[in-house]
């Protein structure tokens, strides 16, 4: 009788081990089981043709192949459209700049109204692309210097992304101009801003270096990026509107619109995830991007900055996801300074 019960117990134990092996990624854990059940991950980006969408598409391609889970890119007008979908768990991942990440997470700026002041539950997975942007104008407009913008039609309000609106305000501040010095044009997204230049409805807009729509502008009307003022006072005015630095860019491949050495705005883009994504899944996301990193550049040269050396930054504006921290500890890139920064942001 006792032998029969022992045999039954051994069989139950064996079945339990088998189930754990089948339904977990790396062990018998609750998070791993939840990860296994996820068949599709949705990733929010800006609209098709934007640099953010191109980056998201590249990341999604590598992750889909490496994880065995479909990562579906959802093009939108920007974070104001897809961040609310994080709260309802309709969106799992997203690509956005550091300013939008912070404001969205803390429920500030326009995100306060969208979240009733609560903010949206996102955590940082990797820092990546260091964007370069500035004010682009059609060559045919005759605008050659910032002061030429006075009285011109300037795309300065991006209804889908308050972060880009802040960039447009920062550009004017650096130029020593006020909003009343230009004729403000509202658009839903950054690619729509440049589209207005192509179609002649505006004469200047914020744009990222490398955007496909800037190449279209070059082909139709010519494209020129205006140079920011690198003087300390002008940079201070810019940073009061949007946290960024200036970087001197020379003409070259993939830099359409940069016609001479030009000072442009530099800032970080993030891959973020909803806070309740399983730790094991996020760990595997970071590991995949770490191990298959060279594939990103082969897909899109604009992803050349999305490298492991840039994944961890102590200038991050939101806390990292525990699954990401676990991988960074294993790779010995998570310092005591990063842990202190993490704790500060978690308290915030």
Protein backbone atom coordinates (compact mmCIF):
# COMPACT_ATOMS: atom_id res chain seq x y z
CA UNK A 1 0.00 0.00 0.00
CA UNK A 2 2.77 2.38 1.02
CA UNK A 3 4.74 1.38 -2.11
CA UNK A 4 1.75 2.32 -4.29
CA UNK A 5 1.48 5.76 -2.68
CA UNK A 6 5.22 6.32 -3.16
CA UNK A 7 4.97 5.36 -6.81
CA UNK A 8 2.06 7.76 -7.30
CA UNK A 9 4.01 10.55 -5.58
CA UNK A 10 7.00 9.97 -7.83
CA UNK A 11 4.80 10.12 -10.92
CA UNK A 12 3.21 13.38 -9.74
CA UNK A 13 6.63 14.85 -9.07
CA UNK A 14 7.86 13.81 -12.51
CA UNK A 15 4.80 15.35 -14.18
CA UNK A 16 5.34 18.59 -12.26
CA UNK A 17 8.93 18.79 -13.48
CA UNK A 18 7.82 18.16 -17.08
CA UNK A 19 5.15 20.85 -16.88
CA UNK A 20 7.69 23.34 -15.53
CA UNK A 21 10.07 22.54 -18.39
CA UNK A 22 7.36 22.96 -21.00
CA UNK A 23 5.72 26.14 -19.68
CA UNK A 24 8.68 28.23 -18.65
CA UNK A 25 11.40 29.99 -20.57
CA UNK A 26 14.25 29.32 -18.17
CA UNK A 27 12.65 27.79 -15.07
CA UNK A 28 9.45 27.07 -13.23
CA UNK A 29 8.44 30.63 -12.29
CA UNK A 30 5.18 32.54 -12.44
CA UNK A 31 6.64 35.26 -14.67
CA UNK A 32 8.07 32.73 -17.07
CA UNK A 33 4.68 31.04 -17.34
CA UNK A 34 3.03 34.37 -18.13
CA UNK A 35 5.73 35.10 -20.72
CA UNK A 36 5.02 31.83 -22.45
CA UNK A 37 1.34 32.70 -22.80
CA UNK A 38 2.09 35.95 -24.67
CA UNK A 39 1.82 35.37 -28.41
CA UNK A 40 1.88 38.97 -29.69
CA UNK A 41 3.47 42.14 -28.34
CA UNK A 42 2.34 45.55 -29.59
CA UNK A 43 4.88 48.36 -29.94
CA UNK A 44 3.79 51.99 -30.26
CA UNK A 45 5.71 54.41 -32.50
CA UNK A 46 5.19 57.63 -34.39
CA UNK A 47 3.74 57.52 -37.90
CA UNK A 48 5.06 55.63 -40.92
CA UNK A 49 7.96 57.54 -42.47
CA UNK A 50 9.19 58.90 -39.14
CA UNK A 51 12.56 57.96 -37.66
CA UNK A 52 10.80 56.57 -34.56
CA UNK A 53 8.72 54.23 -36.70
CA UNK A 54 11.84 53.08 -38.58
CA UNK A 55 13.61 52.36 -35.28
CA UNK A 56 10.59 50.52 -33.90
CA UNK A 57 10.31 48.41 -37.05
CA UNK A 58 13.96 47.37 -36.79
CA UNK A 59 13.69 46.51 -33.11
CA UNK A 60 10.46 44.58 -33.71
CA UNK A 61 12.03 42.55 -36.53
CA UNK A 62 14.97 41.40 -34.40
CA UNK A 63 12.79 40.70 -31.36
CA UNK A 64 10.21 38.73 -33.35
CA UNK A 65 12.91 36.46 -34.74
CA UNK A 66 14.82 36.13 -31.47
CA UNK A 67 11.90 35.66 -29.09
CA UNK A 68 9.62 33.59 -31.27
CA UNK A 69 6.87 36.07 -30.37
CA UNK A 70 5.35 38.40 -32.95
CA UNK A 71 6.19 42.01 -32.12
CA UNK A 72 3.71 44.17 -34.00
CA UNK A 73 4.50 47.84 -34.68
CA UNK A 74 1.55 50.20 -34.22
CA UNK A 75 2.12 53.51 -36.05
CA UNK A 76 0.38 56.47 -34.41
CA UNK A 77 0.54 60.23 -34.07
CA UNK A 78 2.81 59.74 -31.05
CA UNK A 79 2.90 58.94 -27.32
CA UNK A 80 -0.27 60.91 -26.55
CA UNK A 81 -2.10 58.31 -28.64
CA UNK A 82 -0.40 55.09 -27.58
CA UNK A 83 0.57 55.75 -23.92
CA UNK A 84 -3.07 55.61 -22.76
CA UNK A 85 -3.20 52.17 -24.38
CA UNK A 86 -0.45 51.02 -21.99
CA UNK A 87 -2.74 51.60 -19.02
CA UNK A 88 -5.40 49.38 -20.61
CA UNK A 89 -2.73 46.80 -21.60
CA UNK A 90 -3.55 47.22 -25.29
CA UNK A 91 0.07 48.35 -25.79
CA UNK A 92 3.08 46.47 -24.43
CA UNK A 93 6.12 48.34 -25.72
CA UNK A 94 6.90 51.73 -27.20
CA UNK A 95 9.63 53.95 -28.62
CA UNK A 96 9.71 57.57 -27.45
CA UNK A 97 12.13 60.27 -26.39
CA UNK A 98 13.36 60.84 -22.83
CA UNK A 99 11.16 63.92 -22.30
CA UNK A 100 7.92 62.20 -23.31
CA UNK A 101 8.88 59.18 -21.19
CA UNK A 102 9.31 61.29 -18.08
CA UNK A 103 6.27 63.50 -18.59
CA UNK A 104 4.12 60.49 -19.49
CA UNK A 105 5.31 58.45 -16.52
CA UNK A 106 4.85 61.28 -14.03
CA UNK A 107 1.58 62.57 -15.49
CA UNK A 108 2.88 66.03 -16.31
CA UNK A 109 2.32 68.42 -19.22
CA UNK A 110 -0.48 67.16 -21.48
CA UNK A 111 -0.07 63.67 -20.02
CA UNK A 112 -1.54 64.92 -16.75
CA UNK A 113 -4.87 65.52 -18.46
CA UNK A 114 -4.72 62.22 -20.34
CA UNK A 115 -4.03 60.21 -17.17
CA UNK A 116 -6.00 62.27 -14.63
CA UNK A 117 -2.67 63.22 -13.09
CA UNK A 118 -1.65 59.61 -12.43
CA UNK A 119 0.81 59.11 -15.26
CA UNK A 120 1.22 55.94 -17.28
CA UNK A 121 2.88 52.74 -15.95
CA UNK A 122 5.98 52.46 -18.14
CA UNK A 123 9.52 51.36 -17.29
CA UNK A 124 12.73 51.67 -19.27
CA UNK A 125 14.02 48.61 -21.10
CA UNK A 126 16.92 50.10 -23.06
CA UNK A 127 18.17 53.54 -23.88
CA UNK A 128 19.28 53.57 -27.47
CA UNK A 129 19.31 55.97 -30.37
CA UNK A 130 20.80 59.39 -29.74
CA UNK A 131 18.67 61.49 -32.04
CA UNK A 132 19.84 64.49 -33.95
CA UNK A 133 17.23 67.01 -34.96
CA UNK A 134 16.76 70.62 -35.85
CA UNK A 135 14.73 73.05 -37.89
CA UNK A 136 14.57 72.05 -41.55
CA UNK A 137 13.44 74.41 -44.30
CA UNK A 138 12.87 74.00 -48.05
CA UNK A 139 15.88 75.24 -49.98
CA UNK A 140 13.45 77.05 -52.27
CA UNK A 141 12.11 79.10 -49.32
CA UNK A 142 15.14 81.37 -49.28
CA UNK A 143 15.54 80.86 -45.52
CA UNK A 144 19.25 80.64 -44.75
CA UNK A 145 19.54 81.76 -41.12
CA UNK A 146 17.33 81.59 -37.99
CA UNK A 147 16.43 85.28 -38.19
CA UNK A 148 14.92 84.61 -41.62
CA UNK A 149 12.12 82.69 -39.83
CA UNK A 150 10.47 85.92 -38.68
CA UNK A 151 6.98 86.15 -40.13
CA UNK A 152 7.27 82.69 -41.75
CA UNK A 153 4.96 79.69 -41.34
CA UNK A 154 6.61 77.59 -38.63
CA UNK A 155 5.35 74.16 -37.57
CA UNK A 156 5.53 74.61 -33.81
CA UNK A 157 2.64 72.61 -32.36
CA UNK A 158 2.58 68.81 -32.59
CA UNK A 159 -0.73 67.62 -31.19
CA UNK A 160 0.37 63.97 -31.07
CA UNK A 161 3.66 64.59 -29.25
CA UNK A 162 4.13 67.38 -26.72
CA UNK A 163 7.81 66.40 -26.58
CA UNK A 164 8.29 67.52 -30.17
CA UNK A 165 6.34 70.68 -29.40
CA UNK A 166 8.84 71.31 -26.61
CA UNK A 167 11.66 70.82 -29.12
CA UNK A 168 10.09 73.36 -31.46
CA UNK A 169 9.83 75.84 -28.56
CA UNK A 170 13.45 75.10 -27.59
CA UNK A 171 14.60 75.83 -31.14
CA UNK A 172 12.93 79.23 -31.16
CA UNK A 173 14.42 80.01 -27.74
CA UNK A 174 17.91 79.13 -29.00
CA UNK A 175 17.36 81.34 -32.04
CA UNK A 176 16.34 84.24 -29.82
CA UNK A 177 12.80 84.19 -31.26
CA UNK A 178 9.37 84.11 -29.66
CA UNK A 179 6.26 82.30 -30.85
CA UNK A 180 4.81 85.67 -31.78
CA UNK A 181 7.71 86.17 -34.23
CA UNK A 182 6.45 83.33 -36.44
CA UNK A 183 3.13 82.08 -37.78
CA UNK A 184 2.56 78.85 -35.85
CA UNK A 185 1.20 75.86 -37.77
CA UNK A 186 -0.27 72.86 -35.86
CA UNK A 187 0.15 69.28 -37.10
CA UNK A 188 -0.45 65.85 -35.52
CA UNK A 189 3.08 64.44 -35.89
CA UNK A 190 6.68 65.19 -36.83
CA UNK A 191 6.40 63.54 -40.24
CA UNK A 192 3.25 65.57 -40.91
CA UNK A 193 5.28 68.70 -40.16
CA UNK A 194 7.78 67.97 -42.92
CA UNK A 195 4.93 66.89 -45.18
CA UNK A 196 3.60 70.44 -44.84
CA UNK A 197 6.94 71.69 -46.19
CA UNK A 198 6.81 69.31 -49.13
CA UNK A 199 3.30 70.47 -50.02
CA UNK A 200 4.00 74.16 -49.44
CA UNK A 201 1.71 74.71 -46.45
CA UNK A 202 4.60 75.63 -44.13
CA UNK A 203 8.15 76.94 -44.43
CA UNK A 204 9.97 75.45 -41.43
CA UNK A 205 9.55 72.45 -39.14
CA UNK A 206 11.37 70.35 -36.57
CA UNK A 207 12.75 67.16 -38.14
CA UNK A 208 15.17 64.36 -37.32
CA UNK A 209 18.27 63.74 -39.39
CA UNK A 210 17.68 60.58 -41.41
CA UNK A 211 13.89 60.83 -41.73
CA UNK A 212 12.63 59.48 -45.03
CA UNK A 213 10.30 62.44 -45.46
CA UNK A 214 13.31 64.82 -45.37
CA UNK A 215 14.71 62.98 -48.39
CA UNK A 216 11.35 63.51 -50.08
CA UNK A 217 11.60 67.22 -49.28
CA UNK A 218 15.11 67.27 -50.74
CA UNK A 219 13.84 65.69 -53.94
CA UNK A 220 10.93 68.11 -54.37
CA UNK A 221 12.07 71.48 -53.00
CA UNK A 222 15.53 70.98 -51.54
CA UNK A 223 16.22 70.65 -47.79
CA UNK A 224 18.39 72.64 -45.39
CA UNK A 225 18.86 72.28 -41.62
CA UNK A 226 19.45 75.58 -39.82
CA UNK A 227 22.35 75.64 -37.35
CA UNK A 228 21.66 76.22 -33.66
CA UNK A 229 23.57 78.86 -31.71
CA UNK A 230 26.25 77.05 -29.60
CA UNK A 231 26.88 79.99 -27.26
CA UNK A 232 26.32 79.13 -23.56
CA UNK A 233 23.45 81.60 -23.18
CA UNK A 234 21.59 80.27 -26.24
CA UNK A 235 22.12 76.66 -25.13
CA UNK A 236 20.80 77.52 -21.68
CA UNK A 237 17.62 78.96 -23.22
CA UNK A 238 17.21 75.81 -25.29
CA UNK A 239 17.69 73.46 -22.34
CA UNK A 240 15.12 75.36 -20.28
CA UNK A 241 12.53 74.16 -22.81
CA UNK A 242 13.88 70.70 -23.62
CA UNK A 243 16.76 68.73 -22.03
CA UNK A 244 19.34 68.22 -24.77
CA UNK A 245 22.85 69.07 -25.92
CA UNK A 246 24.25 70.45 -29.17
CA UNK A 247 26.31 68.32 -31.52
CA UNK A 248 28.21 69.50 -34.59
CA UNK A 249 27.22 67.47 -37.66
CA UNK A 250 29.07 67.46 -40.97
CA UNK A 251 27.55 66.64 -44.37
CA UNK A 252 27.64 62.98 -45.32
CA UNK A 253 25.70 59.85 -46.16
CA UNK A 254 22.34 59.64 -44.41
CA UNK A 255 22.45 63.34 -43.45
CA UNK A 256 20.15 64.83 -46.03
CA UNK A 257 19.66 68.55 -45.42
CA UNK A 258 22.98 69.04 -43.64
CA UNK A 259 24.74 71.24 -46.18
CA UNK A 260 27.66 72.43 -44.03
CA UNK A 261 28.92 71.91 -40.47
CA UNK A 262 25.71 72.39 -38.51
CA UNK A 263 24.92 72.41 -34.79
CA UNK A 264 21.92 70.16 -34.12
CA UNK A 265 20.04 69.05 -31.01
CA UNK A 266 20.96 65.65 -29.51
CA UNK A 267 18.80 63.63 -27.10
CA UNK A 268 18.01 60.00 -26.20
CA UNK A 269 15.28 57.68 -27.39
CA UNK A 270 14.05 54.79 -25.26
CA UNK A 271 12.48 51.39 -25.68
CA UNK A 272 9.96 51.20 -22.83
CA UNK A 273 7.50 48.57 -21.67
CA UNK A 274 4.44 48.52 -19.48
CA UNK A 275 5.45 48.07 -15.86
CA UNK A 276 3.63 44.76 -15.39
CA UNK A 277 5.31 42.93 -18.27
CA UNK A 278 6.73 39.67 -16.87
CA UNK A 279 10.28 40.08 -15.62
CA UNK A 280 11.43 37.00 -17.49
CA UNK A 281 10.06 38.34 -20.78
CA UNK A 282 11.80 41.71 -20.41
CA UNK A 283 15.01 39.91 -19.50
CA UNK A 284 14.77 37.95 -22.75
CA UNK A 285 13.97 41.11 -24.74
CA UNK A 286 17.16 42.78 -23.52
CA UNK A 287 19.23 39.63 -23.99
CA UNK A 288 17.98 39.29 -27.56
CA UNK A 289 18.86 42.90 -28.42
CA UNK A 290 22.24 42.46 -26.73
CA UNK A 291 23.18 39.22 -28.50
CA UNK A 292 21.70 40.05 -31.92
CA UNK A 293 22.74 43.69 -31.91
CA UNK A 294 24.60 43.63 -35.21
CA UNK A 295 21.39 42.65 -36.98
CA UNK A 296 19.84 46.01 -36.09
CA UNK A 297 22.31 47.99 -38.18
CA UNK A 298 21.90 45.60 -41.09
CA UNK A 299 18.16 46.28 -41.02
CA UNK A 300 18.47 50.07 -40.72
CA UNK A 301 21.60 52.20 -40.43
CA UNK A 302 19.62 54.61 -38.21
CA UNK A 303 19.85 51.92 -35.50
CA UNK A 304 23.65 52.11 -35.33
CA UNK A 305 23.45 53.91 -31.96
CA UNK A 306 21.15 51.23 -30.48
CA UNK A 307 24.09 49.32 -29.03
CA UNK A 308 24.73 47.65 -25.64
CA UNK A 309 27.10 50.49 -24.73
CA UNK A 310 24.12 52.86 -24.84
CA UNK A 311 21.53 50.57 -23.20
CA UNK A 312 22.34 51.80 -19.70
CA UNK A 313 22.49 55.53 -18.96
CA UNK A 314 22.60 57.30 -15.62
CA UNK A 315 20.81 60.24 -17.25
CA UNK A 316 17.64 58.17 -17.58
CA UNK A 317 14.39 59.99 -16.83
CA UNK A 318 12.38 56.91 -15.75
CA UNK A 319 13.30 53.76 -13.80
CA UNK A 320 14.45 50.55 -15.51
CA UNK A 321 12.30 47.43 -15.59
CA UNK A 322 13.48 44.71 -13.12
CA UNK A 323 13.92 42.28 -16.01
CA UNK A 324 16.30 44.70 -17.72
CA UNK A 325 18.22 45.32 -14.49
CA UNK A 326 18.71 41.56 -14.10
CA UNK A 327 20.38 41.33 -17.52
CA UNK A 328 22.53 44.39 -16.93
CA UNK A 329 23.75 42.92 -13.64
CA UNK A 330 24.74 39.73 -15.44
CA UNK A 331 26.66 41.77 -18.02
CA UNK A 332 28.39 43.79 -15.25
CA UNK A 333 27.18 47.14 -16.59
CA UNK A 334 24.89 47.96 -13.66
CA UNK A 335 26.95 50.16 -11.34
CA UNK A 336 26.30 51.33 -7.79
CA UNK A 337 25.58 54.75 -9.27
CA UNK A 338 22.91 53.20 -11.48
CA UNK A 339 21.37 51.45 -8.49
CA UNK A 340 21.21 54.75 -6.63
CA UNK A 341 19.62 56.42 -9.66
CA UNK A 342 17.13 53.55 -9.91
CA UNK A 343 16.07 53.96 -6.29
CA UNK A 344 15.63 57.71 -6.72
CA UNK A 345 13.41 57.25 -9.75
CA UNK A 346 11.38 54.49 -8.11
CA UNK A 347 10.61 56.82 -5.19
CA UNK A 348 9.56 59.52 -7.64
